[in-house]
Protein backbone atom coordinates (compact mmCIF):
# COMPACT_ATOMS: atom_id res chain seq x y z
CA MET A 1 -19.99 17.14 -37.08
CA HIS A 2 -22.44 19.35 -35.22
CA CYS A 3 -23.21 19.61 -31.54
CA PRO A 4 -26.69 18.17 -30.88
CA HIS A 5 -27.32 20.90 -28.28
CA CYS A 6 -26.13 24.15 -29.86
CA GLY A 7 -25.54 23.20 -33.52
CA CYS A 8 -21.92 24.37 -33.45
CA ALA A 9 -19.69 22.62 -36.02
CA PHE A 10 -16.63 20.80 -34.68
CA ASP A 11 -14.13 18.12 -35.59
CA PRO A 12 -14.61 14.95 -33.55
CA PRO A 13 -11.74 14.12 -31.18
CA ASN A 14 -9.34 11.47 -32.50
CA GLY A 15 -10.80 11.50 -36.04
CA ALA A 16 -14.09 9.80 -36.93
CA PRO A 17 -16.79 9.77 -34.24
CA ARG A 18 -17.26 6.68 -32.09
CA SER A 19 -20.33 4.52 -32.46
CA VAL A 20 -22.61 4.03 -29.45
CA PRO A 21 -24.18 0.86 -30.96
CA GLN A 22 -20.66 -0.53 -31.49
CA LEU A 23 -19.82 0.21 -27.85
CA ARG A 24 -23.01 -1.50 -26.67
CA ARG A 25 -22.16 -4.55 -28.77
CA TYR A 26 -18.65 -4.59 -27.27
CA PHE A 27 -20.02 -4.55 -23.72
CA ALA A 28 -22.48 -7.31 -24.67
CA MET A 29 -19.51 -9.37 -25.92
CA ILE A 30 -17.70 -8.78 -22.61
CA ARG A 31 -20.82 -9.77 -20.65
CA ALA A 32 -21.16 -12.96 -22.71
CA ALA A 33 -17.47 -13.79 -22.23
CA PHE A 34 -17.77 -13.27 -18.48
CA HIS A 35 -20.80 -15.57 -18.22
CA HIS A 36 -19.25 -18.25 -20.48
CA TRP A 37 -15.74 -18.05 -19.01
CA PRO A 38 -14.41 -21.58 -18.45
CA GLU A 39 -14.18 -22.61 -14.80
CA SER A 40 -10.98 -24.47 -15.68
CA HIS A 41 -9.21 -21.27 -16.82
CA GLU A 42 -6.40 -20.15 -14.49
CA ARG A 43 -7.81 -16.61 -14.43
CA GLN A 44 -11.23 -16.03 -12.86
CA PHE A 45 -13.07 -12.73 -12.46
CA ALA A 46 -15.26 -11.27 -9.72
CA SER A 47 -17.14 -9.00 -12.14
CA GLU A 48 -17.72 -8.16 -15.81
CA GLU A 49 -15.70 -4.99 -15.28
CA GLU A 50 -12.69 -6.94 -14.01
CA CYS A 51 -13.03 -9.29 -16.99
CA ARG A 52 -13.17 -6.36 -19.43
CA LYS A 53 -10.13 -4.63 -17.96
CA TRP A 54 -8.09 -7.86 -18.02
CA LEU A 55 -9.10 -8.64 -21.61
CA GLN A 56 -8.21 -5.12 -22.73
CA MET A 57 -4.82 -5.28 -21.03
CA LYS A 58 -4.20 -8.72 -22.52
CA ALA A 59 -5.04 -7.21 -25.94
CA GLY A 60 -2.33 -4.58 -25.37
CA HIS A 61 -4.51 -1.65 -24.26
CA ARG A 62 -2.45 -0.95 -21.16
CA GLU A 63 0.34 1.12 -19.73
CA ILE A 64 3.01 0.38 -17.17
CA GLY A 65 1.91 1.72 -13.79
CA ALA A 66 5.06 0.73 -11.93
CA THR A 67 8.15 -1.43 -12.15
CA ILE A 68 9.62 -3.10 -9.11
CA PRO A 69 13.06 -4.76 -9.13
CA LEU A 70 12.96 -8.26 -7.67
CA THR A 71 15.99 -8.37 -5.43
CA GLY A 72 15.98 -10.69 -2.44
CA MET A 73 12.48 -12.04 -3.11
CA SER A 74 11.25 -14.98 -5.13
CA LYS A 75 9.21 -14.17 -8.22
CA GLU A 76 6.29 -16.26 -6.95
CA ARG A 77 6.19 -14.45 -3.60
CA ALA A 78 6.43 -11.05 -5.31
CA MET A 79 3.50 -11.96 -7.61
CA LEU A 80 1.35 -13.09 -4.66
CA LEU A 81 2.10 -9.92 -2.70
CA ALA A 82 1.46 -7.66 -5.69
CA GLU A 83 -1.83 -9.41 -6.60
CA ALA A 84 -3.03 -9.18 -2.98
CA ALA A 85 -2.11 -5.49 -2.74
CA ILE A 86 -3.81 -4.66 -6.05
CA ARG A 87 -7.02 -6.50 -5.06
CA ALA A 88 -7.04 -4.87 -1.63
CA ALA A 89 -6.75 -1.46 -3.28
CA GLY A 90 -9.70 -2.26 -5.56
CA SER A 91 -7.64 -1.79 -8.69
CA TYR A 92 -7.78 -3.63 -12.00
CA ALA A 93 -4.00 -3.61 -12.48
CA VAL A 94 -2.15 -6.85 -13.22
CA PRO A 95 1.36 -7.78 -12.08
CA VAL A 96 3.60 -9.32 -14.75
CA ILE A 97 7.15 -10.62 -14.30
CA HIS A 98 9.72 -9.49 -16.89
CA GLY A 99 13.09 -11.04 -16.07
CA ASP A 100 14.13 -9.69 -12.67
CA THR A 101 11.46 -6.97 -12.63
CA LEU A 102 7.83 -6.99 -11.62
CA ALA A 103 5.83 -4.72 -13.94
CA ILE A 104 2.37 -3.53 -12.96
CA TRP A 105 0.07 -3.15 -15.97
CA ARG A 106 -2.89 -0.84 -15.66
CA PRO A 107 -5.67 -0.55 -18.21
CA LYS A 108 -5.97 2.49 -20.45
CA SER A 109 -9.28 4.29 -20.75
CA ILE A 110 -11.73 3.58 -23.56
CA ALA A 111 -13.59 6.87 -23.00
CA PHE A 112 -14.77 8.51 -26.21
CA SER A 113 -12.39 11.42 -25.63
CA LYS A 114 -9.40 9.07 -25.13
CA LEU A 115 -9.90 6.48 -27.89
CA GLY A 116 -10.81 7.30 -31.48
CA HIS A 117 -13.09 5.24 -33.71
CA LYS A 118 -10.37 3.37 -35.60
CA GLU A 119 -8.44 2.59 -32.43
CA ALA A 120 -11.65 1.38 -30.76
CA CYS A 121 -12.40 -0.90 -33.73
CA ARG A 122 -8.90 -2.40 -33.49
CA LEU A 123 -9.15 -2.83 -29.72
CA PHE A 124 -12.60 -4.48 -29.87
CA ASP A 125 -11.35 -6.90 -32.56
CA ASP A 126 -8.20 -7.62 -30.54
CA VAL A 127 -10.28 -8.34 -27.42
CA ALA A 128 -12.42 -10.77 -29.46
CA ASP A 129 -9.19 -12.50 -30.53
CA VAL A 130 -8.04 -12.72 -26.88
CA ILE A 131 -11.39 -14.24 -25.86
CA ARG A 132 -11.06 -16.81 -28.65
CA ALA A 133 -7.44 -17.62 -27.72
CA GLU A 134 -8.07 -17.82 -23.95
CA THR A 135 -11.34 -19.77 -24.00
CA GLY A 136 -11.42 -21.58 -27.33
CA LEU A 137 -14.91 -20.12 -27.79
CA ASP A 138 -16.15 -17.94 -30.63
CA PRO A 139 -17.22 -14.50 -29.33
CA GLU A 140 -19.96 -14.24 -31.97
CA GLU A 141 -21.42 -17.57 -30.86
CA MET A 142 -21.23 -16.52 -27.21
CA LEU A 143 -23.11 -13.32 -28.04
CA ARG A 144 -25.90 -15.27 -29.75
CA GLU A 145 -26.15 -17.84 -26.93
CA HIS A 146 -26.11 -15.19 -24.24
CA ALA A 147 -28.83 -13.20 -26.00
CA ALA A 148 -31.03 -16.30 -26.22
């Protein structure tokens, strides 16, 4: 690969270079999913960005931001408090109960420098699978309908 500015040869980070058209298509799929998200689904989103982050975390592109032992508090109350605190902080993290521990998932970056081409392909396919599983809708169909 060569730098478009200086012509210097370099190896792309994380292997093969990422595709901008692929990234645009991915964001179009997220936009379509957000606009076609079923009102009956237990999870609702305030923005496309929140939808994207949740879908990516659901697809496994996440890390554990914190773990909190649940001693002396009901799991339901802990979830409510954690969700309220996360929303108040303006974060896209998601609380998840694992046994007697509350884990806080936070999304990993999809920046070109952080996610290689092959990993991005896998993630984008996994997110499409999550959309299909969560909504019962075909992401390809949603893209076509949203474009029309």
